[in-house]
Amino acid sequence: MSITQQYLLDTYRARQHGDPTPPAPGTHDWQAMRELADHRRFRATLTARPARGRGRDRGRIRAALARLFGR
């Protein structure tokens, strides 16, 4: 059964029971990815490892752009 077929079946069942319809597949994917990254940073902090994430990447991007275009 594909994701679309499962979604249609869940929607049909929800309507039969008067429940709200489930969100469409892929609706909350980006939010889930952000939450996963936040959780990984949190776990890294608990284990006393350096948290890697957006701050570190921004510095690398700025350094690469400075090398590319010069100041």
Protein backbone atom coordinates (compact mmCIF):
# COMPACT_ATOMS: atom_id res chain seq x y z
CA MET A 1 0.00 0.00 0.00
CA SER A 2 1.40 3.38 -0.94
CA ILE A 3 1.43 6.47 1.23
CA THR A 4 -1.34 8.03 -0.82
CA GLN A 5 -3.57 4.97 -0.51
CA GLN A 6 -3.00 4.85 3.25
CA TYR A 7 -3.83 8.57 3.53
CA LEU A 8 -7.06 8.10 1.57
CA LEU A 9 -8.04 5.13 3.74
CA ASP A 10 -7.31 7.11 6.94
CA THR A 11 -9.32 10.06 5.61
CA TYR A 12 -12.26 7.80 4.79
CA ARG A 13 -12.16 6.19 8.25
CA ALA A 14 -11.93 9.58 9.96
CA ARG A 15 -14.99 10.83 8.08
CA GLN A 16 -16.93 7.68 8.97
CA HIS A 17 -16.18 8.19 12.69
CA GLY A 18 -16.59 11.97 12.66
CA ASP A 19 -12.93 12.56 13.55
CA PRO A 20 -10.81 15.34 12.02
CA THR A 21 -8.96 14.33 8.88
CA PRO A 22 -5.25 13.57 9.21
CA PRO A 23 -2.71 15.94 7.65
CA ALA A 24 -1.65 15.17 4.09
CA PRO A 25 1.63 13.27 3.65
CA GLY A 26 4.61 15.60 3.62
CA THR A 27 2.81 18.47 5.34
CA HIS A 28 5.03 18.54 8.43
CA ASP A 29 8.27 17.11 7.03
CA TRP A 30 10.36 20.29 7.45
CA GLN A 31 9.11 20.83 10.97
CA ALA A 32 10.05 17.26 11.86
CA MET A 33 13.54 17.71 10.42
CA ARG A 34 14.04 20.93 12.44
CA GLU A 35 12.89 19.19 15.61
CA LEU A 36 15.28 16.30 14.94
CA ALA A 37 18.20 18.72 14.52
CA ASP A 38 17.22 20.52 17.74
CA HIS A 39 17.04 17.20 19.57
CA ARG A 40 20.49 16.19 18.31
CA ARG A 41 21.96 19.51 19.48
CA PHE A 42 20.29 19.04 22.86
CA ARG A 43 21.67 15.49 23.21
CA ALA A 44 25.14 16.73 22.26
CA THR A 45 24.92 19.34 25.00
CA LEU A 46 23.93 16.72 27.57
CA THR A 47 26.92 14.54 26.71
CA ALA A 48 29.29 17.53 26.83
CA ARG A 49 30.13 17.38 23.14
CA PRO A 50 30.24 20.51 21.04
CA ALA A 51 26.85 21.12 19.48
CA ARG A 52 27.11 21.41 15.72
CA GLY A 53 24.56 23.30 13.80
CA ARG A 54 23.62 26.54 12.19
CA GLY A 55 26.12 28.77 13.97
CA ARG A 56 29.09 26.74 12.86
CA ASP A 57 27.83 26.49 9.28
CA ARG A 58 27.35 30.23 8.97
CA GLY A 59 31.00 30.83 9.85
CA ARG A 60 32.14 28.32 7.24
CA ILE A 61 29.89 29.88 4.61
CA ARG A 62 31.13 33.38 5.40
CA ALA A 63 34.76 32.22 5.24
CA ALA A 64 34.17 30.51 1.89
CA LEU A 65 32.50 33.63 0.47
CA ALA A 66 35.32 35.82 1.77
CA ARG A 67 37.88 33.57 0.03
CA LEU A 68 35.84 33.55 -3.15
CA PHE A 69 35.10 37.26 -3.43
CA GLY A 70 37.84 38.72 -1.27
CA ARG A 71 37.24 41.61 1.06
